[in-house]
Amino acid sequence: MQIERASEHPVNEGLLGTAAPGYADLILLLEVAMGLALLCGVLLARKRRYQAHAACQSAVVLLNLVAVALFMVPSFHENVVPKIPLRLSKSYYALATAHAALGMIAELAGIYILIAAGTNWLPERVRLQRYKLWMRTTLGLWWATLLLGISTYARWYTPHLFRH
């Protein structure tokens, strides 16, 4: 269903009232919920509830991996990759590329922490030594990625806000 906004640009009446497909709205809401869940995990660690902390953070890392694989990678591959590097000067492509690059680093760091802290799969020499530093850095990367994702969503699905 199309509706007209004050700007006279048609916008889909989806979950969030933007031009986004329904799955993009759901992924955005899921990612925000996961970001908040990570903060809850921090609180669990501060309360010395380490098993609950590990379960919370691990669930977020694995759920995010599924969301990335099923939705974000295909979207990036279809909408952005064909335009790299020629269109990186345009915010539509630059935001998505920055989000993808930082997100890949954050997700890989999360997977590394999950494996290094929760298993004995890695050799002793590559296991974590400074857990708090790794976890805090990864949380910061995750939140920077989330903010870039929100910016990407806004740029892609609310184009009427970015026209001159």
Protein backbone atom coordinates (compact mmCIF):
# COMPACT_ATOMS: atom_id res chain seq x y z
CA MET A 1 0.00 0.00 0.00
CA GLN A 2 1.38 3.40 -0.99
CA ILE A 3 0.80 6.50 1.10
CA GLU A 4 1.77 10.07 0.43
CA ARG A 5 3.93 11.93 2.92
CA ALA A 6 4.21 15.68 3.21
CA SER A 7 7.21 15.55 0.88
CA GLU A 8 4.93 14.16 -1.89
CA HIS A 9 7.15 11.07 -2.20
CA PRO A 10 5.35 7.73 -1.99
CA VAL A 11 6.39 5.55 0.96
CA ASN A 12 5.32 1.99 1.69
CA GLU A 13 3.25 1.54 4.81
CA GLY A 14 5.39 -1.21 6.32
CA LEU A 15 6.19 -1.98 9.91
CA LEU A 16 8.15 1.25 10.26
CA GLY A 17 6.37 3.30 7.58
CA THR A 18 9.36 3.47 5.25
CA ALA A 19 10.04 2.20 1.74
CA ALA A 20 11.74 -0.87 3.26
CA PRO A 21 10.55 -4.38 2.54
CA GLY A 22 9.08 -6.07 5.60
CA TYR A 23 12.11 -8.29 6.12
CA ALA A 24 14.39 -5.22 6.32
CA ASP A 25 12.17 -3.73 9.04
CA LEU A 26 12.30 -7.01 10.96
CA ILE A 27 16.08 -7.29 10.60
CA LEU A 28 16.54 -3.71 11.82
CA LEU A 29 14.36 -4.36 14.87
CA LEU A 30 16.14 -7.67 15.50
CA GLU A 31 19.56 -6.00 15.30
CA VAL A 32 18.52 -3.28 17.76
CA ALA A 33 17.19 -5.98 20.11
CA MET A 34 20.48 -7.88 19.78
CA GLY A 35 22.43 -4.71 20.57
CA LEU A 36 20.34 -4.24 23.72
CA ALA A 37 20.80 -7.93 24.58
CA LEU A 38 24.57 -7.44 24.40
CA LEU A 39 24.26 -4.64 26.94
CA CYS A 40 22.19 -6.96 29.16
CA GLY A 41 25.02 -9.47 28.82
CA VAL A 42 27.44 -6.85 30.11
CA LEU A 43 25.23 -6.36 33.15
CA LEU A 44 25.21 -10.12 33.72
CA ALA A 45 29.02 -10.17 33.68
CA ARG A 46 29.16 -7.27 36.15
CA LYS A 47 26.88 -9.25 38.45
CA ARG A 48 29.32 -12.19 38.10
CA ARG A 49 26.70 -14.32 36.39
CA TYR A 50 29.22 -15.60 33.88
CA GLN A 51 27.26 -18.57 32.54
CA ALA A 52 24.25 -16.38 31.79
CA HIS A 53 26.60 -13.76 30.30
CA ALA A 54 28.21 -16.36 28.03
CA ALA A 55 24.84 -17.75 26.95
CA CYS A 56 23.45 -14.29 26.19
CA GLN A 57 26.46 -13.07 24.23
CA SER A 58 26.87 -16.37 22.37
CA ALA A 59 23.21 -16.42 21.36
CA VAL A 60 23.51 -12.90 19.95
CA VAL A 61 26.68 -13.71 17.99
CA LEU A 62 25.13 -16.84 16.47
CA LEU A 63 21.75 -15.24 15.74
CA ASN A 64 23.51 -12.33 14.09
CA LEU A 65 25.56 -14.73 11.97
CA VAL A 66 22.30 -16.23 10.65
CA ALA A 67 20.79 -12.77 9.94
CA VAL A 68 23.95 -11.67 8.14
CA ALA A 69 24.18 -14.84 6.05
CA LEU A 70 20.51 -14.98 5.08
CA PHE A 71 19.70 -11.31 4.56
CA MET A 72 22.61 -8.86 4.68
CA VAL A 73 25.16 -10.64 2.51
CA PRO A 74 22.68 -11.29 -0.34
CA SER A 75 21.41 -7.70 -0.18
CA PHE A 76 24.94 -6.28 -0.16
CA HIS A 77 26.00 -8.57 -2.99
CA GLU A 78 23.02 -7.59 -5.13
CA ASN A 79 22.78 -3.86 -4.38
CA VAL A 80 26.28 -2.67 -3.53
CA VAL A 81 29.03 -4.97 -4.82
CA PRO A 82 28.32 -4.23 -8.52
CA LYS A 83 28.84 -0.50 -7.81
CA ILE A 84 32.16 -0.79 -5.95
CA PRO A 85 34.46 1.11 -6.32
CA LEU A 86 32.89 3.54 -8.80
CA ARG A 87 30.06 4.76 -6.57
CA LEU A 88 31.70 4.75 -3.14
CA SER A 89 31.58 8.54 -3.10
CA LYS A 90 27.78 8.31 -2.81
CA SER A 91 26.39 7.86 0.70
CA TYR A 92 24.04 5.06 -0.41
CA TYR A 93 27.03 2.84 -1.22
CA ALA A 94 29.57 4.26 1.24
CA LEU A 95 27.40 3.69 4.31
CA ALA A 96 26.54 0.14 3.25
CA THR A 97 30.19 -0.66 2.54
CA ALA A 98 31.40 0.79 5.85
CA HIS A 99 28.62 -1.09 7.67
CA ALA A 100 29.58 -4.34 5.95
CA ALA A 101 33.32 -3.93 6.62
CA LEU A 102 32.95 -3.00 10.28
CA GLY A 103 30.21 -5.58 10.75
CA MET A 104 32.43 -8.31 9.37
CA ILE A 105 35.19 -7.36 11.82
CA ALA A 106 32.76 -7.22 14.76
CA GLU A 107 31.14 -10.56 13.88
CA LEU A 108 34.51 -12.28 13.39
CA ALA A 109 35.73 -10.87 16.71
CA GLY A 110 32.55 -12.15 18.38
CA ILE A 111 33.05 -15.60 16.89
CA TYR A 112 36.70 -15.59 17.96
CA ILE A 113 35.74 -14.67 21.54
CA LEU A 114 33.02 -17.31 21.54
CA ILE A 115 35.48 -20.00 20.43
CA ALA A 116 38.45 -18.79 22.48
CA ALA A 117 36.52 -18.28 25.72
CA GLY A 118 34.01 -21.08 25.44
CA THR A 119 35.95 -23.99 23.96
CA ASN A 120 39.35 -25.63 23.94
CA TRP A 121 39.46 -25.72 20.14
CA LEU A 122 42.26 -23.18 19.77
CA PRO A 123 45.93 -23.77 20.58
CA GLU A 124 47.05 -22.15 23.84
CA ARG A 125 49.11 -19.49 22.03
CA VAL A 126 46.08 -18.00 20.23
CA ARG A 127 43.62 -18.08 23.13
CA LEU A 128 42.47 -14.90 24.79
CA GLN A 129 44.69 -13.34 27.41
CA ARG A 130 42.86 -10.07 28.09
CA TYR A 131 39.18 -11.00 28.06
CA LYS A 132 37.79 -7.63 29.18
CA LEU A 133 39.72 -5.71 26.53
CA TRP A 134 38.59 -8.05 23.75
CA MET A 135 34.99 -8.06 24.90
CA ARG A 136 34.75 -4.31 25.42
CA THR A 137 36.40 -3.60 22.08
CA THR A 138 34.07 -6.01 20.31
CA LEU A 139 31.03 -4.47 22.02
CA GLY A 140 32.17 -1.04 20.82
CA LEU A 141 32.65 -2.35 17.28
CA TRP A 142 29.23 -4.01 17.43
CA TRP A 143 27.51 -0.78 18.48
CA ALA A 144 29.37 1.26 15.85
CA THR A 145 28.21 -1.32 13.30
CA LEU A 146 24.65 -1.09 14.58
CA LEU A 147 24.67 2.71 14.24
CA LEU A 148 26.05 2.38 10.71
CA GLY A 149 23.33 -0.18 10.00
CA ILE A 150 20.64 2.21 11.21
CA SER A 151 22.18 4.92 9.03
CA THR A 152 22.26 2.56 6.06
CA TYR A 153 18.61 1.63 6.62
CA ALA A 154 17.66 5.32 6.80
CA ARG A 155 19.61 6.14 3.64
CA TRP A 156 18.24 3.20 1.65
CA TYR A 157 14.63 3.25 2.76
CA THR A 158 13.85 6.88 3.52
CA PRO A 159 15.24 8.48 0.36
CA HIS A 160 12.81 11.40 0.60
CA LEU A 161 14.81 12.61 3.63
CA PHE A 162 18.03 12.80 1.60
CA ARG A 163 16.87 14.64 -1.51
CA HIS A 164 17.82 18.24 -2.07
